[in-house]
């Protein structure tokens, strides 16, 4: 290239693809926590949860209107946030939701205090997730999925 010719700008595709914060994409956070809050609302208003014929607790996802088992879904959500808190030395915010999940799995009675503690736990998890980048959230989800697959293969 001659010395008088200006070099072209280097091509950097999608340089900030995963660097966008989830607080700028609140619909993604709402997609995760909306179903959990609906479960808590249903428990709070009716005192019931949707169950399958065999008694397995279910919830309906807002995005695809399909029913999913509640326990593995909530366990995955809490494991992802436990992984985040252990990696970043953040306080664990999943205790209230885990306590509610344990009561639901044991088919024990859930009172208003349990629901209030679970709501606070979900509120803290939602606030914490607003500080995630999209790439970091995807990484945590992938790592949690790998953990579940390793546990499934070990069993």
N, C-alpha and C. Protein backbone atom coordinates (compact mmCIF):
# COMPACT_ATOMS: atom_id res chain seq x y z
N UNK A 1 0.86 -1.16 0.00
CA UNK A 1 0.00 0.00 0.00
C UNK A 1 0.91 1.23 0.00
N UNK A 2 0.60 2.19 -0.85
CA UNK A 2 1.43 3.40 -0.87
C UNK A 2 1.31 4.18 0.43
N UNK A 3 2.28 4.96 0.73
CA UNK A 3 2.31 5.71 1.97
C UNK A 3 1.26 6.80 2.06
N UNK A 4 0.72 7.23 0.93
CA UNK A 4 -0.28 8.30 0.96
C UNK A 4 -1.70 7.77 1.13
N UNK A 5 -1.88 6.48 0.97
CA UNK A 5 -3.23 5.92 1.06
C UNK A 5 -3.56 5.62 2.52
N UNK A 6 -4.75 6.00 2.90
CA UNK A 6 -5.20 5.79 4.28
C UNK A 6 -5.60 4.32 4.47
N UNK A 7 -5.13 3.65 5.53
CA UNK A 7 -5.53 2.26 5.75
C UNK A 7 -7.01 2.17 6.14
N UNK A 8 -7.60 1.06 5.75
CA UNK A 8 -9.01 0.89 6.08
C UNK A 8 -9.19 0.58 7.56
N UNK A 9 -10.35 0.90 8.03
CA UNK A 9 -10.68 0.61 9.42
C UNK A 9 -10.82 -0.91 9.58
N UNK A 10 -10.24 -1.49 10.62
CA UNK A 10 -10.36 -2.94 10.80
C UNK A 10 -11.82 -3.33 11.09
N UNK A 11 -12.22 -4.44 10.53
CA UNK A 11 -13.59 -4.93 10.69
C UNK A 11 -13.70 -5.66 12.03
N UNK A 12 -14.60 -5.21 12.87
CA UNK A 12 -14.85 -5.85 14.17
C UNK A 12 -16.34 -6.17 14.25
N UNK A 13 -16.72 -7.37 13.89
CA UNK A 13 -18.15 -7.71 13.89
C UNK A 13 -18.70 -7.81 15.30
N UNK A 14 -19.82 -7.20 15.49
CA UNK A 14 -20.59 -7.26 16.74
C UNK A 14 -19.70 -7.13 17.97
N UNK A 15 -19.00 -6.06 18.06
CA UNK A 15 -18.02 -5.87 19.13
C UNK A 15 -18.67 -5.80 20.50
N UNK A 16 -19.94 -5.44 20.58
CA UNK A 16 -20.59 -5.33 21.88
C UNK A 16 -21.82 -6.24 21.95
N UNK A 17 -21.81 -7.32 21.22
CA UNK A 17 -22.98 -8.18 21.15
C UNK A 17 -23.40 -8.67 22.53
N UNK A 18 -22.48 -9.18 23.30
CA UNK A 18 -22.83 -9.73 24.61
C UNK A 18 -22.63 -8.77 25.75
N UNK A 19 -22.16 -7.56 25.46
CA UNK A 19 -21.86 -6.62 26.52
C UNK A 19 -23.04 -5.77 26.96
N UNK A 20 -24.19 -5.95 26.34
CA UNK A 20 -25.35 -5.14 26.70
C UNK A 20 -25.90 -5.62 28.04
N UNK A 21 -26.24 -4.68 28.88
CA UNK A 21 -26.76 -5.02 30.21
C UNK A 21 -28.23 -5.43 30.11
N UNK A 22 -28.63 -6.36 30.96
CA UNK A 22 -30.02 -6.81 30.94
C UNK A 22 -30.98 -5.73 31.43
N UNK A 23 -30.48 -4.72 32.12
CA UNK A 23 -31.39 -3.64 32.53
C UNK A 23 -31.88 -2.85 31.33
N UNK A 24 -31.16 -2.94 30.21
CA UNK A 24 -31.64 -2.29 28.99
C UNK A 24 -32.56 -3.20 28.19
N UNK A 25 -32.72 -4.45 28.63
CA UNK A 25 -33.62 -5.41 27.99
C UNK A 25 -34.53 -6.02 29.04
N UNK A 26 -35.43 -5.23 29.62
CA UNK A 26 -36.24 -5.73 30.74
C UNK A 26 -37.19 -6.85 30.35
N UNK A 27 -37.52 -7.00 29.08
CA UNK A 27 -38.41 -8.08 28.67
C UNK A 27 -37.76 -9.44 28.87
N UNK A 28 -36.44 -9.52 28.80
CA UNK A 28 -35.76 -10.80 29.05
C UNK A 28 -35.83 -11.17 30.53
N UNK A 29 -35.65 -10.18 31.38
CA UNK A 29 -35.74 -10.44 32.82
C UNK A 29 -37.18 -10.78 33.19
N UNK A 30 -38.15 -10.09 32.58
CA UNK A 30 -39.56 -10.37 32.85
C UNK A 30 -39.94 -11.76 32.37
N UNK A 31 -39.33 -12.24 31.30
CA UNK A 31 -39.63 -13.58 30.82
C UNK A 31 -39.18 -14.64 31.82
N UNK A 32 -38.10 -14.37 32.53
CA UNK A 32 -37.61 -15.33 33.53
C UNK A 32 -38.44 -15.27 34.81
N UNK A 33 -38.65 -14.07 35.31
CA UNK A 33 -39.27 -13.94 36.63
C UNK A 33 -40.78 -13.78 36.59
N UNK A 34 -41.35 -13.54 35.43
CA UNK A 34 -42.80 -13.39 35.34
C UNK A 34 -43.55 -14.64 35.76
N UNK A 35 -43.06 -15.79 35.33
CA UNK A 35 -43.73 -17.05 35.69
C UNK A 35 -43.60 -17.34 37.18
N UNK A 36 -42.44 -17.02 37.75
CA UNK A 36 -42.24 -17.25 39.18
C UNK A 36 -43.18 -16.35 39.99
N UNK A 37 -43.31 -15.11 39.56
CA UNK A 37 -44.21 -14.19 40.27
C UNK A 37 -45.67 -14.60 40.11
N UNK A 38 -46.01 -15.17 38.96
CA UNK A 38 -47.38 -15.68 38.78
C UNK A 38 -47.66 -16.84 39.73
N UNK A 39 -46.67 -17.71 39.94
CA UNK A 39 -46.82 -18.81 40.89
C UNK A 39 -47.09 -18.26 42.28
N UNK A 40 -46.30 -17.26 42.68
CA UNK A 40 -46.47 -16.67 44.00
C UNK A 40 -47.80 -15.95 44.12
N UNK A 41 -48.24 -15.28 43.05
CA UNK A 41 -49.54 -14.61 43.07
C UNK A 41 -50.67 -15.62 43.23
N UNK A 42 -50.57 -16.74 42.52
CA UNK A 42 -51.60 -17.76 42.61
C UNK A 42 -51.64 -18.36 44.02
N UNK A 43 -50.47 -18.59 44.60
CA UNK A 43 -50.42 -19.10 45.97
C UNK A 43 -51.00 -18.09 46.95
N UNK A 44 -50.74 -16.82 46.69
CA UNK A 44 -51.19 -15.77 47.60
C UNK A 44 -52.71 -15.56 47.51
N UNK A 45 -53.26 -15.56 46.31
CA UNK A 45 -54.69 -15.28 46.16
C UNK A 45 -55.55 -16.51 46.39
N UNK A 46 -55.23 -17.62 45.74
CA UNK A 46 -56.06 -18.82 45.82
C UNK A 46 -55.61 -19.78 46.91
N UNK A 47 -54.32 -19.77 47.20
CA UNK A 47 -53.78 -20.77 48.12
C UNK A 47 -53.58 -22.11 47.44
N UNK A 48 -53.61 -22.13 46.10
CA UNK A 48 -53.45 -23.38 45.36
C UNK A 48 -52.37 -23.21 44.30
N UNK A 49 -51.96 -24.34 43.75
CA UNK A 49 -51.07 -24.35 42.61
C UNK A 49 -51.62 -25.32 41.59
N UNK A 50 -51.25 -25.13 40.35
CA UNK A 50 -51.66 -26.04 39.29
C UNK A 50 -50.83 -27.31 39.39
N UNK A 51 -51.50 -28.46 39.33
CA UNK A 51 -50.80 -29.73 39.44
C UNK A 51 -51.19 -30.64 38.29
N UNK A 52 -50.33 -31.60 38.02
CA UNK A 52 -50.63 -32.64 37.05
C UNK A 52 -51.52 -33.68 37.73
N UNK A 53 -51.92 -34.69 36.98
CA UNK A 53 -52.79 -35.72 37.54
C UNK A 53 -52.11 -36.50 38.66
N UNK A 54 -50.79 -36.62 38.59
CA UNK A 54 -50.07 -37.35 39.64
C UNK A 54 -49.68 -36.46 40.81
N UNK A 55 -50.07 -35.20 40.81
CA UNK A 55 -49.79 -34.29 41.92
C UNK A 55 -48.53 -33.47 41.76
N UNK A 56 -47.86 -33.58 40.63
CA UNK A 56 -46.65 -32.82 40.38
C UNK A 56 -47.01 -31.35 40.15
N UNK A 57 -46.39 -30.41 40.90
CA UNK A 57 -46.69 -28.99 40.69
C UNK A 57 -46.23 -28.52 39.31
N UNK A 58 -47.10 -27.78 38.63
CA UNK A 58 -46.82 -27.27 37.29
C UNK A 58 -46.99 -25.76 37.27
N UNK A 59 -46.41 -25.13 36.25
CA UNK A 59 -46.69 -23.73 35.99
C UNK A 59 -46.76 -23.54 34.49
N UNK A 60 -47.47 -22.50 34.07
CA UNK A 60 -47.61 -22.19 32.65
C UNK A 60 -46.67 -21.04 32.31
N UNK A 61 -45.84 -21.28 31.30
CA UNK A 61 -44.92 -20.26 30.84
C UNK A 61 -45.68 -19.24 30.00
N UNK A 62 -45.41 -17.97 30.22
CA UNK A 62 -46.12 -16.91 29.51
C UNK A 62 -45.74 -16.84 28.03
N UNK A 63 -44.50 -17.18 27.72
CA UNK A 63 -44.04 -16.99 26.34
C UNK A 63 -44.60 -18.03 25.38
N UNK A 64 -44.68 -19.30 25.79
CA UNK A 64 -45.17 -20.32 24.86
C UNK A 64 -46.45 -21.01 25.32
N UNK A 65 -46.98 -20.62 26.47
CA UNK A 65 -48.24 -21.15 27.01
C UNK A 65 -48.21 -22.66 27.24
N UNK A 66 -47.04 -23.22 27.47
CA UNK A 66 -46.91 -24.64 27.78
C UNK A 66 -46.74 -24.81 29.28
N UNK A 67 -47.10 -26.00 29.77
CA UNK A 67 -46.94 -26.31 31.18
C UNK A 67 -45.59 -26.99 31.39
N UNK A 68 -44.92 -26.61 32.49
CA UNK A 68 -43.64 -27.18 32.86
C UNK A 68 -43.68 -27.56 34.33
N UNK A 69 -42.84 -28.52 34.70
CA UNK A 69 -42.74 -28.90 36.10
C UNK A 69 -42.09 -27.77 36.88
N UNK A 70 -42.66 -27.50 38.04
CA UNK A 70 -42.22 -26.36 38.83
C UNK A 70 -40.88 -26.63 39.52
N UNK A 71 -40.72 -27.79 40.11
CA UNK A 71 -39.53 -28.05 40.92
C UNK A 71 -38.23 -27.97 40.13
N UNK A 72 -38.09 -28.66 38.99
CA UNK A 72 -36.81 -28.54 38.26
C UNK A 72 -36.55 -27.13 37.74
N UNK A 73 -37.61 -26.43 37.37
CA UNK A 73 -37.43 -25.08 36.85
C UNK A 73 -36.93 -24.13 37.93
N UNK A 74 -37.58 -24.17 39.09
CA UNK A 74 -37.15 -23.30 40.19
C UNK A 74 -35.78 -23.71 40.71
N UNK A 75 -35.50 -25.02 40.70
CA UNK A 75 -34.19 -25.48 41.14
C UNK A 75 -33.11 -24.97 40.19
N UNK A 76 -33.38 -24.97 38.89
CA UNK A 76 -32.41 -24.44 37.93
C UNK A 76 -32.17 -22.95 38.12
N UNK A 77 -33.24 -22.22 38.38
CA UNK A 77 -33.11 -20.78 38.61
C UNK A 77 -32.28 -20.51 39.87
N UNK A 78 -32.57 -21.22 40.94
CA UNK A 78 -31.82 -21.00 42.18
C UNK A 78 -30.38 -21.46 42.05
N UNK A 79 -30.14 -22.56 41.33
CA UNK A 79 -28.76 -23.01 41.13
C UNK A 79 -27.96 -22.01 40.31
N UNK A 80 -28.59 -21.40 39.33
CA UNK A 80 -27.89 -20.39 38.53
C UNK A 80 -27.50 -19.19 39.39
N UNK A 81 -28.39 -18.77 40.27
CA UNK A 81 -28.05 -17.62 41.12
C UNK A 81 -27.08 -18.01 42.23
N UNK A 82 -27.12 -19.25 42.70
CA UNK A 82 -26.10 -19.70 43.65
C UNK A 82 -24.73 -19.72 42.99
N UNK A 83 -24.68 -20.15 41.73
CA UNK A 83 -23.43 -20.14 40.98
C UNK A 83 -22.91 -18.71 40.82
N UNK A 84 -23.81 -17.80 40.52
CA UNK A 84 -23.42 -16.38 40.39
C UNK A 84 -22.89 -15.84 41.71
N UNK A 85 -23.56 -16.16 42.81
CA UNK A 85 -23.11 -15.62 44.10
C UNK A 85 -21.78 -16.22 44.52
N UNK A 86 -21.52 -17.48 44.17
CA UNK A 86 -20.24 -18.07 44.54
C UNK A 86 -19.10 -17.53 43.67
N UNK A 87 -19.38 -17.23 42.42
CA UNK A 87 -18.34 -16.70 41.53
C UNK A 87 -17.98 -15.26 41.87
N UNK A 88 -18.94 -14.49 42.31
CA UNK A 88 -18.73 -13.05 42.48
C UNK A 88 -18.76 -12.61 43.93
N UNK A 89 -18.70 -13.53 44.85
CA UNK A 89 -18.77 -13.26 46.29
C UNK A 89 -19.90 -12.30 46.63
N UNK A 90 -21.06 -12.58 46.07
CA UNK A 90 -22.27 -11.82 46.35
C UNK A 90 -23.08 -12.59 47.39
N UNK A 91 -23.93 -11.91 48.15
CA UNK A 91 -24.75 -12.64 49.12
C UNK A 91 -25.76 -13.55 48.40
N UNK A 92 -26.00 -14.70 48.99
CA UNK A 92 -26.94 -15.66 48.42
C UNK A 92 -28.36 -15.14 48.65
N UNK A 93 -29.14 -15.07 47.58
CA UNK A 93 -30.48 -14.50 47.66
C UNK A 93 -31.56 -15.53 47.41
N UNK A 94 -31.21 -16.81 47.37
CA UNK A 94 -32.17 -17.83 46.95
C UNK A 94 -32.80 -18.59 48.11
N UNK A 95 -32.47 -18.25 49.33
CA UNK A 95 -32.93 -19.05 50.47
C UNK A 95 -34.45 -19.08 50.59
N UNK A 96 -35.11 -17.96 50.38
CA UNK A 96 -36.56 -17.92 50.51
C UNK A 96 -37.26 -18.75 49.46
N UNK A 97 -36.78 -18.70 48.24
CA UNK A 97 -37.39 -19.49 47.16
C UNK A 97 -37.10 -20.97 47.35
N UNK A 98 -35.92 -21.31 47.85
CA UNK A 98 -35.61 -22.71 48.12
C UNK A 98 -36.46 -23.27 49.25
N UNK A 99 -36.74 -22.46 50.26
CA UNK A 99 -37.59 -22.91 51.36
C UNK A 99 -39.01 -23.16 50.87
N UNK A 100 -39.52 -22.29 50.02
CA UNK A 100 -40.85 -22.49 49.44
C UNK A 100 -40.88 -23.73 48.56
N UNK A 101 -39.84 -23.93 47.78
CA UNK A 101 -39.76 -25.10 46.91
C UNK A 101 -39.72 -26.39 47.73
N UNK A 102 -38.99 -26.38 48.84
CA UNK A 102 -38.94 -27.57 49.70
C UNK A 102 -40.32 -27.89 50.27
N UNK A 103 -41.06 -26.86 50.66
CA UNK A 103 -42.41 -27.09 51.18
C UNK A 103 -43.35 -27.61 50.10
N UNK A 104 -43.22 -27.09 48.89
CA UNK A 104 -44.07 -27.56 47.80
C UNK A 104 -43.75 -29.01 47.43
N UNK A 105 -42.46 -29.35 47.43
CA UNK A 105 -42.08 -30.73 47.10
C UNK A 105 -42.53 -31.70 48.18
N UNK A 106 -42.52 -31.27 49.44
CA UNK A 106 -42.95 -32.13 50.54
C UNK A 106 -44.46 -32.10 50.72
N UNK A 107 -45.15 -31.29 49.91
CA UNK A 107 -46.61 -31.14 49.96
C UNK A 107 -47.07 -30.67 51.33
N UNK A 108 -46.28 -29.76 51.91
CA UNK A 108 -46.64 -29.15 53.18
C UNK A 108 -47.45 -27.89 52.93
N UNK A 109 -48.09 -27.41 53.97
CA UNK A 109 -48.89 -26.19 53.86
C UNK A 109 -47.96 -24.98 53.78
N UNK A 110 -48.29 -24.07 52.87
CA UNK A 110 -47.52 -22.85 52.67
C UNK A 110 -48.31 -21.70 53.27
N UNK A 111 -47.67 -20.94 54.17
CA UNK A 111 -48.38 -19.81 54.77
C UNK A 111 -47.91 -18.49 54.16
N UNK A 112 -48.49 -17.40 54.63
CA UNK A 112 -48.20 -16.08 54.06
C UNK A 112 -46.76 -15.65 54.29
N UNK A 113 -46.17 -16.07 55.40
CA UNK A 113 -44.77 -15.71 55.67
C UNK A 113 -43.84 -16.36 54.65
N UNK A 114 -44.11 -17.62 54.29
CA UNK A 114 -43.28 -18.29 53.29
C UNK A 114 -43.36 -17.58 51.94
N UNK A 115 -44.56 -17.16 51.59
CA UNK A 115 -44.75 -16.47 50.31
C UNK A 115 -44.06 -15.11 50.34
N UNK A 116 -44.14 -14.40 51.46
CA UNK A 116 -43.48 -13.09 51.57
C UNK A 116 -41.96 -13.23 51.49
N UNK A 117 -41.42 -14.25 52.12
CA UNK A 117 -39.97 -14.48 52.06
C UNK A 117 -39.55 -14.85 50.65
N UNK A 118 -40.36 -15.67 49.98
CA UNK A 118 -40.05 -16.05 48.60
C UNK A 118 -40.14 -14.84 47.67
N UNK A 119 -41.12 -13.96 47.90
CA UNK A 119 -41.24 -12.75 47.09
C UNK A 119 -40.01 -11.85 47.25
N UNK A 120 -39.53 -11.74 48.48
CA UNK A 120 -38.34 -10.93 48.72
C UNK A 120 -37.13 -11.55 48.02
N UNK A 121 -37.04 -12.87 48.05
CA UNK A 121 -35.96 -13.57 47.37
C UNK A 121 -36.01 -13.33 45.86
N UNK A 122 -37.21 -13.40 45.29
CA UNK A 122 -37.37 -13.16 43.85
C UNK A 122 -37.05 -11.70 43.52
N UNK A 123 -37.44 -10.78 44.39
CA UNK A 123 -37.15 -9.37 44.16
C UNK A 123 -35.64 -9.13 44.14
N UNK A 124 -34.92 -9.75 45.08
CA UNK A 124 -33.47 -9.59 45.13
C UNK A 124 -32.80 -10.23 43.91
N UNK A 125 -33.30 -11.39 43.49
CA UNK A 125 -32.72 -12.05 42.32
C UNK A 125 -32.97 -11.23 41.06
N UNK A 126 -34.16 -10.64 40.95
CA UNK A 126 -34.47 -9.79 39.79
C UNK A 126 -33.56 -8.57 39.77
N UNK A 127 -33.36 -7.95 40.92
CA UNK A 127 -32.49 -6.77 40.99
C UNK A 127 -31.05 -7.15 40.65
N UNK A 128 -30.61 -8.31 41.11
CA UNK A 128 -29.25 -8.76 40.82
C UNK A 128 -29.09 -9.06 39.32
N UNK A 129 -30.12 -9.64 38.72
CA UNK A 129 -30.01 -10.00 37.30
C UNK A 129 -30.01 -8.78 36.39
N UNK A 130 -30.51 -7.66 36.86
CA UNK A 130 -30.47 -6.45 36.05
C UNK A 130 -29.04 -5.97 35.81
N UNK A 131 -28.11 -6.39 36.65
CA UNK A 131 -26.71 -6.00 36.50
C UNK A 131 -25.90 -7.00 35.67
N UNK A 132 -26.53 -8.06 35.19
CA UNK A 132 -25.85 -9.03 34.33
C UNK A 132 -25.73 -8.45 32.92
N UNK A 133 -24.67 -8.84 32.24
CA UNK A 133 -24.65 -8.63 30.80
C UNK A 133 -25.35 -9.82 30.15
N UNK A 134 -25.78 -9.64 28.92
CA UNK A 134 -26.46 -10.73 28.23
C UNK A 134 -25.54 -11.93 28.06
N UNK A 135 -24.27 -11.67 27.80
CA UNK A 135 -23.31 -12.75 27.64
C UNK A 135 -23.08 -13.50 28.95
N UNK A 136 -23.00 -12.78 30.05
CA UNK A 136 -22.81 -13.41 31.35
C UNK A 136 -24.03 -14.25 31.72
N UNK A 137 -25.23 -13.76 31.43
CA UNK A 137 -26.45 -14.53 31.72
C UNK A 137 -26.47 -15.81 30.91
N UNK A 138 -26.10 -15.74 29.63
CA UNK A 138 -26.04 -16.95 28.81
C UNK A 138 -25.00 -17.92 29.33
N UNK A 139 -23.87 -17.41 29.80
CA UNK A 139 -22.82 -18.26 30.33
C UNK A 139 -23.29 -18.98 31.59
N UNK A 140 -23.99 -18.29 32.48
CA UNK A 140 -24.49 -18.92 33.70
C UNK A 140 -25.52 -19.99 33.37
N UNK A 141 -26.39 -19.71 32.41
CA UNK A 141 -27.39 -20.71 32.01
C UNK A 141 -26.71 -21.94 31.44
N UNK A 142 -25.72 -21.74 30.58
CA UNK A 142 -25.00 -22.89 30.01
C UNK A 142 -24.28 -23.69 31.09
N UNK A 143 -23.63 -23.01 32.02
CA UNK A 143 -22.92 -23.71 33.09
C UNK A 143 -23.88 -24.49 33.98
N UNK A 144 -25.06 -23.93 34.24
CA UNK A 144 -26.05 -24.64 35.04
C UNK A 144 -26.58 -25.85 34.29
N UNK A 145 -26.79 -25.73 32.98
CA UNK A 145 -27.24 -26.87 32.19
C UNK A 145 -26.18 -27.97 32.18
N UNK A 146 -24.91 -27.59 32.07
CA UNK A 146 -23.83 -28.57 32.11
C UNK A 146 -23.81 -29.27 33.46
N UNK A 147 -24.01 -28.52 34.53
CA UNK A 147 -24.04 -29.11 35.87
C UNK A 147 -25.15 -30.15 35.99
N UNK A 148 -26.34 -29.81 35.49
CA UNK A 148 -27.46 -30.75 35.56
C UNK A 148 -27.20 -32.00 34.72
N UNK A 149 -26.58 -31.84 33.55
CA UNK A 149 -26.28 -33.01 32.72
C UNK A 149 -25.23 -33.90 33.38
N UNK A 150 -24.23 -33.29 34.01
CA UNK A 150 -23.23 -34.10 34.72
C UNK A 150 -23.85 -34.85 35.89
N UNK A 151 -24.77 -34.19 36.62
CA UNK A 151 -25.46 -34.87 37.71
C UNK A 151 -26.33 -36.00 37.20
N UNK A 152 -26.98 -35.78 36.05
CA UNK A 152 -27.83 -36.82 35.47
C UNK A 152 -27.00 -38.01 35.02
N UNK A 153 -25.83 -37.76 34.43
CA UNK A 153 -24.97 -38.85 33.99
C UNK A 153 -24.35 -39.60 35.16
N UNK A 154 -24.09 -38.90 36.25
CA UNK A 154 -23.49 -39.54 37.42
C UNK A 154 -24.50 -40.42 38.15
N UNK A 155 -25.78 -40.11 38.02
CA UNK A 155 -26.80 -40.89 38.73
C UNK A 155 -27.12 -42.19 38.05
